[in-house]
Each structure stands twice: as structure tokens, then as C-alpha cells.
Amino acid sequence: MPANTDTEVGIRELRTQLSDLVMEVAVEGHVVYVTNRGKRVAALVPLAVAKAGLDATPSPPTA
């Protein structure tokens, strides 16, 4: 992914831009950070990135 392709969007703006942002993430592979009062609180990432992250996360122990 090229540098400076990450986007930040406020949580209120997210509601009106979600479709466009999801397409940006899916097609362009960009990361979109969701902010609340200027602080990053979540991210939209391409599915392959999310799956890779989940596969690398150890499973919690079972009781």
C-alpha cells in the first residue's frame, strides 16, 4: 500500500459516507480510521488484512 493513503473520518461523518468508504477500502486497499473527538477508535480495513490479523491471533484458552 502506498504511503499517505490512510483516511480519517469522524464518527458522525461515517454515517453519510459509509458506502463510499467501504468501496475505497475494498477496491483501493486503503485503511480508514474512524475518529471520535479526534481520537482513533476503530478502523475499516480490507478483508484480507482482517483475516490475516485474526489468523495470527492466538485463540483464548478454553475452560
PDB file of N, CA and C in Angstrom:
ATOM      1  N   MET A   1       0.855  -1.178   0.000  1.00  0.00           N
ATOM      2  CA  MET A   1       0.000   0.000   0.000  1.00  0.00           C
ATOM      3  C   MET A   1       0.893   1.232   0.000  1.00  0.00           C
ATOM      4  N   PRO A   2       0.650   2.161  -0.897  1.00  0.00           N
ATOM      5  CA  PRO A   2       1.458   3.375  -0.939  1.00  0.00           C
ATOM      6  C   PRO A   2       1.289   4.211   0.323  1.00  0.00           C
ATOM      7  N   ALA A   3       2.289   5.004   0.625  1.00  0.00           N
ATOM      8  CA  ALA A   3       2.213   5.876   1.809  1.00  0.00           C
ATOM      9  C   ALA A   3       1.125   6.924   1.628  1.00  0.00           C
ATOM     10  N   ASN A   4       0.639   7.440   2.736  1.00  0.00           N
ATOM     11  CA  ASN A   4      -0.345   8.522   2.755  1.00  0.00           C
ATOM     12  C   ASN A   4      -1.667   8.162   2.090  1.00  0.00           C
ATOM     13  N   THR A   5      -2.059   6.894   2.173  1.00  0.00           N
ATOM     14  CA  THR A   5      -3.347   6.508   1.608  1.00  0.00           C
ATOM     15  C   THR A   5      -4.391   6.292   2.695  1.00  0.00           C
ATOM     16  N   ASP A   6      -3.978   6.395   3.940  1.00  0.00           N
ATOM     17  CA  ASP A   6      -4.922   6.222   5.036  1.00  0.00           C
ATOM     18  C   ASP A   6      -5.824   7.442   5.150  1.00  0.00           C
ATOM     19  N   THR A   7      -7.059   7.201   5.536  1.00  0.00           N
ATOM     20  CA  THR A   7      -8.064   8.246   5.656  1.00  0.00           C
ATOM     21  C   THR A   7      -8.584   8.250   7.081  1.00  0.00           C
ATOM     22  N   GLU A   8      -8.925   9.411   7.588  1.00  0.00           N
ATOM     23  CA  GLU A   8      -9.609   9.519   8.873  1.00  0.00           C
ATOM     24  C   GLU A   8     -10.978  10.123   8.627  1.00  0.00           C
ATOM     25  N   VAL A   9     -11.976   9.600   9.309  1.00  0.00           N
ATOM     26  CA  VAL A   9     -13.334  10.120   9.190  1.00  0.00           C
ATOM     27  C   VAL A   9     -13.959  10.152  10.581  1.00  0.00           C
ATOM     28  N   GLY A  10     -14.622  11.251  10.887  1.00  0.00           N
ATOM     29  CA  GLY A  10     -15.298  11.364  12.172  1.00  0.00           C
ATOM     30  C   GLY A  10     -16.483  10.410  12.239  1.00  0.00           C
ATOM     31  N   ILE A  11     -16.783   9.984  13.432  1.00  0.00           N
ATOM     32  CA  ILE A  11     -17.846   9.001  13.621  1.00  0.00           C
ATOM     33  C   ILE A  11     -19.190   9.511  13.098  1.00  0.00           C
ATOM     34  N   ARG A  12     -19.443  10.798  13.195  1.00  0.00           N
ATOM     35  CA  ARG A  12     -20.701  11.352  12.674  1.00  0.00           C
ATOM     36  C   ARG A  12     -20.722  11.362  11.151  1.00  0.00           C
ATOM     37  N   GLU A  13     -19.567  11.649  10.544  1.00  0.00           N
ATOM     38  CA  GLU A  13     -19.473  11.647   9.084  1.00  0.00           C
ATOM     39  C   GLU A  13     -19.601  10.236   8.516  1.00  0.00           C
ATOM     40  N   LEU A  14     -19.170   9.264   9.284  1.00  0.00           N
ATOM     41  CA  LEU A  14     -19.176   7.875   8.835  1.00  0.00           C
ATOM     42  C   LEU A  14     -20.549   7.447   8.344  1.00  0.00           C
ATOM     43  N   ARG A  15     -21.567   7.894   9.033  1.00  0.00           N
ATOM     44  CA  ARG A  15     -22.931   7.508   8.693  1.00  0.00           C
ATOM     45  C   ARG A  15     -23.282   7.875   7.245  1.00  0.00           C
ATOM     46  N   THR A  16     -22.873   9.050   6.815  1.00  0.00           N
ATOM     47  CA  THR A  16     -23.237   9.510   5.480  1.00  0.00           C
ATOM     48  C   THR A  16     -22.274   9.027   4.400  1.00  0.00           C
ATOM     49  N   GLN A  17     -21.069   8.605   4.786  1.00  0.00           N
ATOM     50  CA  GLN A  17     -20.055   8.230   3.807  1.00  0.00           C
ATOM     51  C   GLN A  17     -19.732   6.742   3.784  1.00  0.00           C
ATOM     52  N   LEU A  18     -20.449   5.938   4.551  1.00  0.00           N
ATOM     53  CA  LEU A  18     -20.063   4.545   4.742  1.00  0.00           C
ATOM     54  C   LEU A  18     -19.939   3.771   3.429  1.00  0.00           C
ATOM     55  N   SER A  19     -20.903   3.879   2.542  1.00  0.00           N
ATOM     56  CA  SER A  19     -20.832   3.131   1.275  1.00  0.00           C
ATOM     57  C   SER A  19     -19.576   3.470   0.495  1.00  0.00           C
ATOM     58  N   ASP A  20     -19.288   4.747   0.361  1.00  0.00           N
ATOM     59  CA  ASP A  20     -18.100   5.172  -0.383  1.00  0.00           C
ATOM     60  C   ASP A  20     -16.820   4.700   0.299  1.00  0.00           C
ATOM     61  N   LEU A  21     -16.782   4.778   1.612  1.00  0.00           N
ATOM     62  CA  LEU A  21     -15.589   4.376   2.337  1.00  0.00           C
ATOM     63  C   LEU A  21     -15.357   2.871   2.245  1.00  0.00           C
ATOM     64  N   VAL A  22     -16.418   2.079   2.325  1.00  0.00           N
ATOM     65  CA  VAL A  22     -16.279   0.629   2.197  1.00  0.00           C
ATOM     66  C   VAL A  22     -15.730   0.287   0.814  1.00  0.00           C
ATOM     67  N   MET A  23     -16.212   0.952  -0.216  1.00  0.00           N
ATOM     68  CA  MET A  23     -15.706   0.698  -1.565  1.00  0.00           C
ATOM     69  C   MET A  23     -14.236   1.110  -1.684  1.00  0.00           C
ATOM     70  N   GLU A  24     -13.863   2.224  -1.068  1.00  0.00           N
ATOM     71  CA  GLU A  24     -12.466   2.658  -1.076  1.00  0.00           C
ATOM     72  C   GLU A  24     -11.571   1.606  -0.439  1.00  0.00           C
ATOM     73  N   VAL A  25     -12.013   1.071   0.681  1.00  0.00           N
ATOM     74  CA  VAL A  25     -11.242   0.049   1.384  1.00  0.00           C
ATOM     75  C   VAL A  25     -11.153  -1.217   0.533  1.00  0.00           C
ATOM     76  N   ALA A  26     -12.276  -1.656  -0.014  1.00  0.00           N
ATOM     77  CA  ALA A  26     -12.308  -2.903  -0.776  1.00  0.00           C
ATOM     78  C   ALA A  26     -11.524  -2.808  -2.087  1.00  0.00           C
ATOM     79  N   VAL A  27     -11.697  -1.721  -2.809  1.00  0.00           N
ATOM     80  CA  VAL A  27     -11.097  -1.599  -4.140  1.00  0.00           C
ATOM     81  C   VAL A  27      -9.656  -1.108  -4.076  1.00  0.00           C
ATOM     82  N   GLU A  28      -9.423  -0.068  -3.295  1.00  0.00           N
ATOM     83  CA  GLU A  28      -8.096   0.552  -3.256  1.00  0.00           C
ATOM     84  C   GLU A  28      -7.176  -0.063  -2.208  1.00  0.00           C
ATOM     85  N   GLY A  29      -7.740  -0.777  -1.245  1.00  0.00           N
ATOM     86  CA  GLY A  29      -6.928  -1.373  -0.192  1.00  0.00           C
ATOM     87  C   GLY A  29      -6.505  -0.396   0.882  1.00  0.00           C
ATOM     88  N   HIS A  30      -7.148   0.761   0.930  1.00  0.00           N
ATOM     89  CA  HIS A  30      -6.807   1.778   1.932  1.00  0.00           C
ATOM     90  C   HIS A  30      -7.376   1.404   3.295  1.00  0.00           C
ATOM     91  N   VAL A  31      -6.791   1.961   4.324  1.00  0.00           N
ATOM     92  CA  VAL A  31      -7.305   1.841   5.684  1.00  0.00           C
ATOM     93  C   VAL A  31      -8.032   3.145   6.005  1.00  0.00           C
ATOM     94  N   VAL A  32      -9.214   3.033   6.594  1.00  0.00           N
ATOM     95  CA  VAL A  32      -9.974   4.211   7.017  1.00  0.00           C
ATOM     96  C   VAL A  32     -10.100   4.145   8.531  1.00  0.00           C
ATOM     97  N   TYR A  33      -9.565   5.147   9.193  1.00  0.00           N
ATOM     98  CA  TYR A  33      -9.662   5.228  10.648  1.00  0.00           C
ATOM     99  C   TYR A  33     -10.888   6.043  11.027  1.00  0.00           C
ATOM    100  N   VAL A  34     -11.656   5.527  11.967  1.00  0.00           N
ATOM    101  CA  VAL A  34     -12.829   6.226  12.488  1.00  0.00           C
ATOM    102  C   VAL A  34     -12.399   6.936  13.757  1.00  0.00           C
ATOM    103  N   THR A  35     -12.715   8.235  13.831  1.00  0.00           N
ATOM    104  CA  THR A  35     -12.308   9.015  14.993  1.00  0.00           C
ATOM    105  C   THR A  35     -13.525   9.483  15.787  1.00  0.00           C
ATOM    106  N   ASN A  36     -13.312   9.655  17.074  1.00  0.00           N
ATOM    107  CA  ASN A  36     -14.312  10.222  17.963  1.00  0.00           C
ATOM    108  C   ASN A  36     -13.604  11.318  18.751  1.00  0.00           C
ATOM    109  N   ARG A  37     -14.014  12.550  18.489  1.00  0.00           N
ATOM    110  CA  ARG A  37     -13.371  13.716  19.106  1.00  0.00           C
ATOM    111  C   ARG A  37     -11.876  13.757  18.819  1.00  0.00           C
ATOM    112  N   GLY A  38     -11.522  13.392  17.586  1.00  0.00           N
ATOM    113  CA  GLY A  38     -10.139  13.454  17.152  1.00  0.00           C
ATOM    114  C   GLY A  38      -9.271  12.268  17.515  1.00  0.00           C
ATOM    115  N   LYS A  39      -9.808  11.310  18.252  1.00  0.00           N
ATOM    116  CA  LYS A  39      -9.042  10.140  18.677  1.00  0.00           C
ATOM    117  C   LYS A  39      -9.482   8.934  17.842  1.00  0.00           C
ATOM    118  N   ARG A  40      -8.533   8.199  17.312  1.00  0.00           N
ATOM    119  CA  ARG A  40      -8.856   6.997  16.551  1.00  0.00           C
ATOM    120  C   ARG A  40      -9.455   5.940  17.463  1.00  0.00           C
ATOM    121  N   VAL A  41     -10.650   5.451  17.077  1.00  0.00           N
ATOM    122  CA  VAL A  41     -11.346   4.470  17.911  1.00  0.00           C
ATOM    123  C   VAL A  41     -11.650   3.171  17.169  1.00  0.00           C
ATOM    124  N   ALA A  42     -11.535   3.177  15.847  1.00  0.00           N
ATOM    125  CA  ALA A  42     -11.827   1.973  15.053  1.00  0.00           C
ATOM    126  C   ALA A  42     -11.192   2.144  13.688  1.00  0.00           C
ATOM    127  N   ALA A  43     -11.212   1.070  12.913  1.00  0.00           N
ATOM    128  CA  ALA A  43     -10.659   1.138  11.561  1.00  0.00           C
ATOM    129  C   ALA A  43     -11.441   0.230  10.630  1.00  0.00           C
ATOM    130  N   LEU A  44     -11.597   0.677   9.392  1.00  0.00           N
ATOM    131  CA  LEU A  44     -12.097  -0.164   8.315  1.00  0.00           C
ATOM    132  C   LEU A  44     -10.865  -0.626   7.557  1.00  0.00           C
ATOM    133  N   VAL A  45     -10.701  -1.929   7.420  1.00  0.00           N
ATOM    134  CA  VAL A  45      -9.528  -2.476   6.740  1.00  0.00           C
ATOM    135  C   VAL A  45      -9.983  -3.462   5.684  1.00  0.00           C
ATOM    136  N   PRO A  46      -9.159  -3.698   4.660  1.00  0.00           N
ATOM    137  CA  PRO A  46      -9.510  -4.702   3.669  1.00  0.00           C
ATOM    138  C   PRO A  46      -9.713  -6.072   4.322  1.00  0.00           C
ATOM    139  N   LEU A  47     -10.592  -6.868   3.768  1.00  0.00           N
ATOM    140  CA  LEU A  47     -10.928  -8.170   4.342  1.00  0.00           C
ATOM    141  C   LEU A  47      -9.699  -9.057   4.501  1.00  0.00           C
ATOM    142  N   ALA A  48      -8.805  -9.059   3.532  1.00  0.00           N
ATOM    143  CA  ALA A  48      -7.606  -9.892   3.625  1.00  0.00           C
ATOM    144  C   ALA A  48      -6.751  -9.510   4.827  1.00  0.00           C
ATOM    145  N   VAL A  49      -6.674  -8.227   5.122  1.00  0.00           N
ATOM    146  CA  VAL A  49      -5.906  -7.757   6.275  1.00  0.00           C
ATOM    147  C   VAL A  49      -6.578  -8.211   7.569  1.00  0.00           C
ATOM    148  N   ALA A  50      -7.900  -8.090   7.623  1.00  0.00           N
ATOM    149  CA  ALA A  50      -8.637  -8.509   8.820  1.00  0.00           C
ATOM    150  C   ALA A  50      -8.483 -10.012   9.053  1.00  0.00           C
ATOM    151  N   LYS A  51      -8.611 -10.798   7.990  1.00  0.00           N
ATOM    152  CA  LYS A  51      -8.470 -12.254   8.127  1.00  0.00           C
ATOM    153  C   LYS A  51      -7.071 -12.637   8.564  1.00  0.00           C
ATOM    154  N   ALA A  52      -6.066 -11.991   7.996  1.00  0.00           N
ATOM    155  CA  ALA A  52      -4.684 -12.280   8.373  1.00  0.00           C
ATOM    156  C   ALA A  52      -4.449 -11.958   9.842  1.00  0.00           C
ATOM    157  N   GLY A  53      -5.020 -10.864  10.303  1.00  0.00           N
ATOM    158  CA  GLY A  53      -4.884 -10.492  11.702  1.00  0.00           C
ATOM    159  C   GLY A  53      -5.569 -11.473  12.630  1.00  0.00           C
ATOM    160  N   LEU A  54      -6.734 -11.940  12.225  1.00  0.00           N
ATOM    161  CA  LEU A  54      -7.454 -12.910  13.046  1.00  0.00           C
ATOM    162  C   LEU A  54      -6.736 -14.256  13.068  1.00  0.00           C
ATOM    163  N   ASP A  55      -6.180 -14.647  11.932  1.00  0.00           N
ATOM    164  CA  ASP A  55      -5.455 -15.926  11.876  1.00  0.00           C
ATOM    165  C   ASP A  55      -4.198 -15.895  12.722  1.00  0.00           C
ATOM    166  N   ALA A  56      -3.602 -14.709  12.884  1.00  0.00           N
ATOM    167  CA  ALA A  56      -2.367 -14.582  13.653  1.00  0.00           C
ATOM    168  C   ALA A  56      -2.623 -14.434  15.142  1.00  0.00           C
ATOM    169  N   THR A  57      -3.882 -14.208  15.520  1.00  0.00           N
ATOM    170  CA  THR A  57      -4.230 -14.013  16.926  1.00  0.00           C
ATOM    171  C   THR A  57      -4.415 -15.363  17.595  1.00  0.00           C
ATOM    172  N   PRO A  58      -3.705 -15.610  18.679  1.00  0.00           N
ATOM    173  CA  PRO A  58      -3.877 -16.889  19.370  1.00  0.00           C
ATOM    174  C   PRO A  58      -5.298 -17.011  19.925  1.00  0.00           C
ATOM    175  N   SER A  59      -5.816 -18.215  19.895  1.00  0.00           N
ATOM    176  CA  SER A  59      -7.147 -18.467  20.449  1.00  0.00           C
ATOM    177  C   SER A  59      -7.093 -18.411  21.970  1.00  0.00           C
ATOM    178  N   PRO A  60      -8.154 -17.897  22.586  1.00  0.00           N
ATOM    179  CA  PRO A  60      -8.174 -17.872  24.058  1.00  0.00           C
ATOM    180  C   PRO A  60      -8.293 -19.296  24.595  1.00  0.00           C
ATOM    181  N   PRO A  61      -7.723 -19.542  25.752  1.00  0.00           N
ATOM    182  CA  PRO A  61      -7.821 -20.885  26.330  1.00  0.00           C
ATOM    183  C   PRO A  61      -9.267 -21.238  26.666  1.00  0.00           C
ATOM    184  N   THR A  62      -9.593 -22.491  26.509  1.00  0.00           N
ATOM    185  CA  THR A  62     -10.951 -22.950  26.841  1.00  0.00           C
ATOM    186  C   THR A  62     -10.928 -23.567  28.233  1.00  0.00           C
ATOM    187  N   ALA A  63     -12.042 -23.424  28.916  1.00  0.00           N
ATOM    188  CA  ALA A  63     -12.124 -23.926  30.298  1.00  0.00           C
ATOM    189  C   ALA A  63     -12.497 -25.368  30.340  1.00  0.00           C
TER     190      ALA A  63
END
